[in-house]
Amino acid sequence: MAGLERHGDDLVIVLTALEKAEAVHGDVRVPWSSVTGIDVVEDVVHAVPGWKVIGSAWPGRFAIGTFDGGSDKVKTFAVVHHDNLRGVRVRLQGAHYDEVVVSCADPESVVSELGPVGR
């Protein structure tokens, strides 16, 4: 399962080999200075906006890859599995993506481990 980690001044979304194949993408790295907020999401499988641009998706089951659109025209990188109903949304500014959405078993711990957001 994908992980959200801080590596120095970067936020890294670390993907498994299978997730890399499904997303048609490697690990995602964004500057920590681009992070504007981090939220716990209760229904993560339905939190991915718009339609799949590249990757794999089955609505209501999983979403892995790049998604574009929705009412807010948000570009999202998602790694969401149906076996974890909760997850984390990281809002970004000035990065390739507007947000990253990742499912995880204990989103509160992930948010705590990432640390405070500040520009």
N, C-alpha and C. Protein backbone atom coordinates (compact mmCIF):
# COMPACT_ATOMS: atom_id res chain seq x y z
N MET A 1 0.84 -1.17 0.00
CA MET A 1 0.00 0.00 0.00
C MET A 1 0.90 1.24 0.00
N ALA A 2 0.48 2.26 -0.72
CA ALA A 2 1.25 3.50 -0.84
C ALA A 2 1.44 4.15 0.53
N GLY A 3 2.53 4.87 0.64
CA GLY A 3 2.81 5.60 1.87
C GLY A 3 3.10 7.05 1.58
N LEU A 4 2.78 7.91 2.54
CA LEU A 4 3.13 9.33 2.47
C LEU A 4 4.28 9.55 3.44
N GLU A 5 5.39 10.08 2.93
CA GLU A 5 6.57 10.26 3.77
C GLU A 5 7.22 11.60 3.47
N ARG A 6 7.86 12.14 4.49
CA ARG A 6 8.68 13.34 4.29
C ARG A 6 10.12 12.91 4.15
N HIS A 7 10.72 13.33 3.05
CA HIS A 7 12.14 13.08 2.79
C HIS A 7 12.80 14.44 2.64
N GLY A 8 13.40 14.93 3.72
CA GLY A 8 14.01 16.25 3.68
C GLY A 8 12.96 17.32 3.45
N ASP A 9 13.13 18.09 2.38
CA ASP A 9 12.19 19.17 2.05
C ASP A 9 11.11 18.74 1.08
N ASP A 10 10.91 17.43 0.92
CA ASP A 10 9.92 16.91 -0.03
C ASP A 10 8.90 16.01 0.65
N LEU A 11 7.70 16.00 0.10
CA LEU A 11 6.69 15.00 0.42
C LEU A 11 6.78 13.96 -0.69
N VAL A 12 6.87 12.69 -0.29
CA VAL A 12 7.00 11.62 -1.28
C VAL A 12 5.85 10.64 -1.09
N ILE A 13 5.17 10.34 -2.19
CA ILE A 13 4.16 9.29 -2.19
C ILE A 13 4.86 8.06 -2.72
N VAL A 14 5.13 7.13 -1.83
CA VAL A 14 5.90 5.93 -2.16
C VAL A 14 4.92 4.84 -2.59
N LEU A 15 5.07 4.37 -3.81
CA LEU A 15 4.17 3.38 -4.38
C LEU A 15 4.81 1.99 -4.38
N THR A 16 3.98 0.97 -4.25
CA THR A 16 4.45 -0.40 -4.43
C THR A 16 4.68 -0.64 -5.93
N ALA A 17 5.31 -1.73 -6.27
CA ALA A 17 5.55 -2.05 -7.68
C ALA A 17 4.23 -2.20 -8.43
N LEU A 18 3.24 -2.84 -7.82
CA LEU A 18 1.94 -3.01 -8.47
C LEU A 18 1.25 -1.65 -8.66
N GLU A 19 1.32 -0.79 -7.65
CA GLU A 19 0.71 0.55 -7.77
C GLU A 19 1.39 1.36 -8.87
N LYS A 20 2.69 1.22 -9.01
CA LYS A 20 3.40 1.92 -10.09
C LYS A 20 2.88 1.45 -11.45
N ALA A 21 2.65 0.16 -11.59
CA ALA A 21 2.12 -0.37 -12.85
C ALA A 21 0.69 0.12 -13.09
N GLU A 22 -0.13 0.10 -12.04
CA GLU A 22 -1.53 0.53 -12.18
C GLU A 22 -1.63 2.03 -12.46
N ALA A 23 -0.76 2.82 -11.83
CA ALA A 23 -0.80 4.28 -12.00
C ALA A 23 -0.09 4.73 -13.27
N VAL A 24 0.72 3.83 -13.85
CA VAL A 24 1.59 4.19 -14.96
C VAL A 24 2.42 5.41 -14.54
N HIS A 25 3.00 5.31 -13.35
CA HIS A 25 3.72 6.43 -12.74
C HIS A 25 4.62 5.88 -11.65
N GLY A 26 5.73 6.53 -11.43
CA GLY A 26 6.60 6.18 -10.32
C GLY A 26 6.18 6.92 -9.06
N ASP A 27 7.03 6.83 -8.04
CA ASP A 27 6.78 7.59 -6.82
C ASP A 27 6.59 9.06 -7.16
N VAL A 28 5.73 9.73 -6.42
CA VAL A 28 5.45 11.15 -6.64
C VAL A 28 6.20 11.94 -5.58
N ARG A 29 6.91 12.97 -6.01
CA ARG A 29 7.68 13.82 -5.11
C ARG A 29 7.28 15.27 -5.35
N VAL A 30 6.90 15.97 -4.27
CA VAL A 30 6.55 17.39 -4.37
C VAL A 30 7.26 18.13 -3.24
N PRO A 31 7.63 19.37 -3.48
CA PRO A 31 8.27 20.15 -2.41
C PRO A 31 7.31 20.34 -1.23
N TRP A 32 7.82 20.17 -0.02
CA TRP A 32 6.99 20.37 1.16
C TRP A 32 6.42 21.79 1.19
N SER A 33 7.13 22.74 0.62
CA SER A 33 6.66 24.13 0.59
C SER A 33 5.39 24.28 -0.25
N SER A 34 5.06 23.29 -1.09
CA SER A 34 3.83 23.33 -1.89
C SER A 34 2.61 22.84 -1.12
N VAL A 35 2.83 22.21 0.03
CA VAL A 35 1.73 21.65 0.82
C VAL A 35 1.02 22.78 1.56
N THR A 36 -0.28 22.92 1.30
CA THR A 36 -1.06 23.97 1.95
C THR A 36 -2.01 23.42 3.01
N GLY A 37 -2.23 22.13 3.01
CA GLY A 37 -3.11 21.53 4.01
C GLY A 37 -3.15 20.03 3.91
N ILE A 38 -3.45 19.39 5.03
CA ILE A 38 -3.59 17.94 5.08
C ILE A 38 -4.85 17.63 5.88
N ASP A 39 -5.72 16.80 5.30
CA ASP A 39 -6.99 16.45 5.95
C ASP A 39 -7.16 14.94 6.00
N VAL A 40 -7.83 14.49 7.05
CA VAL A 40 -8.28 13.10 7.11
C VAL A 40 -9.59 13.03 6.33
N VAL A 41 -9.71 12.00 5.49
CA VAL A 41 -10.91 11.81 4.66
C VAL A 41 -11.59 10.51 5.10
N GLU A 42 -12.86 10.60 5.44
CA GLU A 42 -13.59 9.43 5.95
C GLU A 42 -14.03 8.46 4.84
N ASP A 43 -14.39 8.96 3.68
CA ASP A 43 -14.87 8.12 2.57
C ASP A 43 -13.94 8.34 1.38
N VAL A 44 -12.73 7.82 1.51
CA VAL A 44 -11.67 8.16 0.56
C VAL A 44 -11.94 7.64 -0.85
N VAL A 45 -12.61 6.53 -1.00
CA VAL A 45 -12.84 5.98 -2.33
C VAL A 45 -13.76 6.88 -3.16
N HIS A 46 -14.57 7.71 -2.48
CA HIS A 46 -15.44 8.65 -3.19
C HIS A 46 -14.89 10.08 -3.17
N ALA A 47 -13.67 10.25 -2.68
CA ALA A 47 -13.08 11.59 -2.56
C ALA A 47 -12.25 11.98 -3.77
N VAL A 48 -12.11 11.09 -4.72
CA VAL A 48 -11.30 11.38 -5.91
C VAL A 48 -12.20 12.03 -6.95
N PRO A 49 -11.94 13.31 -7.29
CA PRO A 49 -12.82 14.03 -8.21
C PRO A 49 -12.52 13.73 -9.67
N GLY A 50 -13.51 13.96 -10.50
CA GLY A 50 -13.31 13.94 -11.95
C GLY A 50 -13.18 12.57 -12.54
N TRP A 51 -12.43 12.50 -13.63
CA TRP A 51 -12.28 11.27 -14.38
C TRP A 51 -10.81 10.91 -14.49
N LYS A 52 -10.59 9.63 -14.75
CA LYS A 52 -9.23 9.10 -14.86
C LYS A 52 -8.58 9.60 -16.14
N VAL A 53 -7.38 10.16 -16.01
CA VAL A 53 -6.59 10.57 -17.16
C VAL A 53 -5.66 9.43 -17.55
N ILE A 54 -4.93 8.94 -16.55
CA ILE A 54 -4.04 7.80 -16.76
C ILE A 54 -3.95 7.03 -15.46
N GLY A 55 -4.02 5.71 -15.57
CA GLY A 55 -3.98 4.87 -14.39
C GLY A 55 -5.07 3.83 -14.44
N SER A 56 -5.54 3.42 -13.26
CA SER A 56 -6.56 2.39 -13.14
C SER A 56 -7.64 2.86 -12.20
N ALA A 57 -8.88 2.53 -12.52
CA ALA A 57 -9.98 2.93 -11.64
C ALA A 57 -11.18 2.03 -11.85
N TRP A 58 -11.89 1.83 -10.77
CA TRP A 58 -13.18 1.17 -10.78
C TRP A 58 -14.00 1.94 -9.76
N PRO A 59 -14.95 2.75 -10.20
CA PRO A 59 -15.69 3.62 -9.28
C PRO A 59 -16.24 2.86 -8.08
N GLY A 60 -15.99 3.42 -6.90
CA GLY A 60 -16.43 2.81 -5.66
C GLY A 60 -15.54 1.70 -5.14
N ARG A 61 -14.50 1.32 -5.92
CA ARG A 61 -13.62 0.22 -5.52
C ARG A 61 -12.16 0.68 -5.37
N PHE A 62 -11.62 1.32 -6.40
CA PHE A 62 -10.24 1.80 -6.33
C PHE A 62 -10.01 2.90 -7.35
N ALA A 63 -8.99 3.71 -7.07
CA ALA A 63 -8.59 4.79 -7.98
C ALA A 63 -7.08 4.97 -7.79
N ILE A 64 -6.33 4.66 -8.83
CA ILE A 64 -4.88 4.73 -8.75
C ILE A 64 -4.36 5.41 -10.01
N GLY A 65 -3.78 6.60 -9.85
CA GLY A 65 -3.25 7.32 -10.99
C GLY A 65 -3.62 8.79 -10.97
N THR A 66 -3.68 9.37 -12.15
CA THR A 66 -3.96 10.80 -12.30
C THR A 66 -5.42 11.00 -12.71
N PHE A 67 -6.10 11.90 -12.00
CA PHE A 67 -7.50 12.20 -12.24
C PHE A 67 -7.64 13.70 -12.45
N ASP A 68 -8.50 14.07 -13.38
CA ASP A 68 -8.65 15.48 -13.72
C ASP A 68 -10.12 15.81 -13.84
N GLY A 69 -10.47 16.99 -13.38
CA GLY A 69 -11.85 17.43 -13.55
C GLY A 69 -12.58 17.61 -12.26
N GLY A 70 -13.83 17.22 -12.28
CA GLY A 70 -14.70 17.49 -11.14
C GLY A 70 -15.17 18.93 -11.22
N SER A 71 -16.03 19.29 -10.32
CA SER A 71 -16.59 20.65 -10.34
C SER A 71 -15.54 21.72 -10.07
N ASP A 72 -14.47 21.36 -9.36
CA ASP A 72 -13.42 22.33 -9.04
C ASP A 72 -12.26 22.31 -10.02
N LYS A 73 -12.32 21.45 -11.04
CA LYS A 73 -11.24 21.32 -12.02
C LYS A 73 -9.90 21.05 -11.34
N VAL A 74 -9.91 20.12 -10.40
CA VAL A 74 -8.74 19.78 -9.61
C VAL A 74 -8.00 18.62 -10.26
N LYS A 75 -6.67 18.75 -10.36
CA LYS A 75 -5.84 17.66 -10.86
C LYS A 75 -5.33 16.89 -9.65
N THR A 76 -5.69 15.60 -9.59
CA THR A 76 -5.44 14.78 -8.40
C THR A 76 -4.58 13.57 -8.76
N PHE A 77 -3.64 13.25 -7.88
CA PHE A 77 -2.97 11.96 -7.94
C PHE A 77 -3.53 11.15 -6.80
N ALA A 78 -4.07 9.96 -7.11
CA ALA A 78 -4.74 9.15 -6.10
C ALA A 78 -4.17 7.74 -6.05
N VAL A 79 -4.12 7.23 -4.83
CA VAL A 79 -3.82 5.82 -4.59
C VAL A 79 -4.81 5.37 -3.53
N VAL A 80 -5.97 4.91 -3.99
CA VAL A 80 -7.09 4.62 -3.10
C VAL A 80 -7.54 3.18 -3.34
N HIS A 81 -7.59 2.42 -2.26
CA HIS A 81 -8.04 1.03 -2.29
C HIS A 81 -9.31 0.90 -1.46
N HIS A 82 -10.24 0.07 -1.90
CA HIS A 82 -11.52 -0.07 -1.20
C HIS A 82 -11.38 -0.73 0.17
N ASP A 83 -10.28 -1.43 0.41
CA ASP A 83 -10.14 -2.10 1.70
C ASP A 83 -9.78 -1.14 2.84
N ASN A 84 -9.44 0.09 2.51
CA ASN A 84 -9.26 1.15 3.50
C ASN A 84 -10.24 2.26 3.18
N LEU A 85 -11.26 2.40 3.98
CA LEU A 85 -12.30 3.39 3.71
C LEU A 85 -11.85 4.80 4.02
N ARG A 86 -10.82 4.94 4.85
CA ARG A 86 -10.34 6.26 5.28
C ARG A 86 -9.00 6.55 4.61
N GLY A 87 -8.62 7.83 4.64
CA GLY A 87 -7.35 8.19 4.04
C GLY A 87 -6.97 9.63 4.33
N VAL A 88 -6.05 10.12 3.53
CA VAL A 88 -5.49 11.45 3.71
C VAL A 88 -5.56 12.20 2.38
N ARG A 89 -5.96 13.48 2.46
CA ARG A 89 -5.91 14.37 1.30
C ARG A 89 -4.87 15.45 1.60
N VAL A 90 -3.91 15.61 0.69
CA VAL A 90 -2.89 16.66 0.81
C VAL A 90 -3.18 17.69 -0.26
N ARG A 91 -3.47 18.92 0.16
CA ARG A 91 -3.72 20.01 -0.79
C ARG A 91 -2.39 20.67 -1.14
N LEU A 92 -2.22 20.97 -2.43
CA LEU A 92 -0.96 21.51 -2.93
C LEU A 92 -1.19 22.80 -3.70
N GLN A 93 -0.17 23.63 -3.73
CA GLN A 93 -0.20 24.85 -4.54
C GLN A 93 1.15 25.00 -5.20
N GLY A 94 1.13 25.28 -6.50
CA GLY A 94 2.38 25.46 -7.23
C GLY A 94 3.09 24.16 -7.56
N ALA A 95 2.39 23.04 -7.49
CA ALA A 95 2.96 21.73 -7.82
C ALA A 95 2.26 21.20 -9.08
N HIS A 96 2.74 20.09 -9.60
CA HIS A 96 2.15 19.47 -10.78
C HIS A 96 0.70 19.06 -10.52
N TYR A 97 0.40 18.63 -9.29
CA TYR A 97 -0.95 18.24 -8.90
C TYR A 97 -1.52 19.28 -7.94
N ASP A 98 -2.85 19.37 -7.90
CA ASP A 98 -3.54 20.24 -6.94
C ASP A 98 -3.75 19.53 -5.61
N GLU A 99 -3.80 18.20 -5.66
CA GLU A 99 -3.97 17.42 -4.44
C GLU A 99 -3.51 15.99 -4.66
N VAL A 100 -3.23 15.34 -3.53
CA VAL A 100 -2.90 13.92 -3.51
C VAL A 100 -3.87 13.28 -2.53
N VAL A 101 -4.48 12.16 -2.92
CA VAL A 101 -5.40 11.44 -2.06
C VAL A 101 -4.90 10.01 -1.94
N VAL A 102 -4.68 9.57 -0.68
CA VAL A 102 -4.12 8.24 -0.43
C VAL A 102 -4.94 7.56 0.67
N SER A 103 -5.35 6.32 0.43
CA SER A 103 -6.04 5.57 1.48
C SER A 103 -5.00 4.99 2.44
N CYS A 104 -5.39 4.88 3.71
CA CYS A 104 -4.49 4.31 4.71
C CYS A 104 -5.31 3.83 5.91
N ALA A 105 -4.74 2.91 6.66
CA ALA A 105 -5.44 2.31 7.79
C ALA A 105 -5.57 3.28 8.96
N ASP A 106 -4.58 4.13 9.16
CA ASP A 106 -4.58 5.05 10.30
C ASP A 106 -4.18 6.45 9.83
N PRO A 107 -5.12 7.18 9.21
CA PRO A 107 -4.78 8.49 8.66
C PRO A 107 -4.32 9.51 9.70
N GLU A 108 -4.83 9.42 10.92
CA GLU A 108 -4.40 10.36 11.96
C GLU A 108 -2.91 10.21 12.25
N SER A 109 -2.41 9.00 12.27
CA SER A 109 -0.98 8.77 12.48
C SER A 109 -0.15 9.31 11.32
N VAL A 110 -0.64 9.13 10.11
CA VAL A 110 0.06 9.65 8.93
C VAL A 110 0.17 11.17 9.01
N VAL A 111 -0.92 11.83 9.33
CA VAL A 111 -0.93 13.30 9.45
C VAL A 111 0.04 13.73 10.54
N SER A 112 0.03 13.05 11.65
CA SER A 112 0.92 13.38 12.76
C SER A 112 2.40 13.20 12.38
N GLU A 113 2.70 12.10 11.69
CA GLU A 113 4.08 11.82 11.28
C GLU A 113 4.60 12.82 10.27
N LEU A 114 3.72 13.33 9.40
CA LEU A 114 4.16 14.30 8.39
C LEU A 114 4.54 15.63 9.02
N GLY A 115 3.88 15.98 10.11
CA GLY A 115 4.22 17.21 10.80
C GLY A 115 3.41 18.39 10.32
N PRO A 116 3.67 19.55 10.94
CA PRO A 116 2.87 20.74 10.63
C PRO A 116 3.11 21.26 9.22
N VAL A 117 2.04 21.84 8.68
CA VAL A 117 2.11 22.45 7.35
C VAL A 117 2.42 23.93 7.54
N GLY A 118 3.34 24.42 6.78
CA GLY A 118 3.66 25.83 6.85
C GLY A 118 4.53 26.20 5.66
N ARG A 119 4.29 27.34 5.15
CA ARG A 119 5.07 27.77 3.98
C ARG A 119 6.27 28.56 4.43
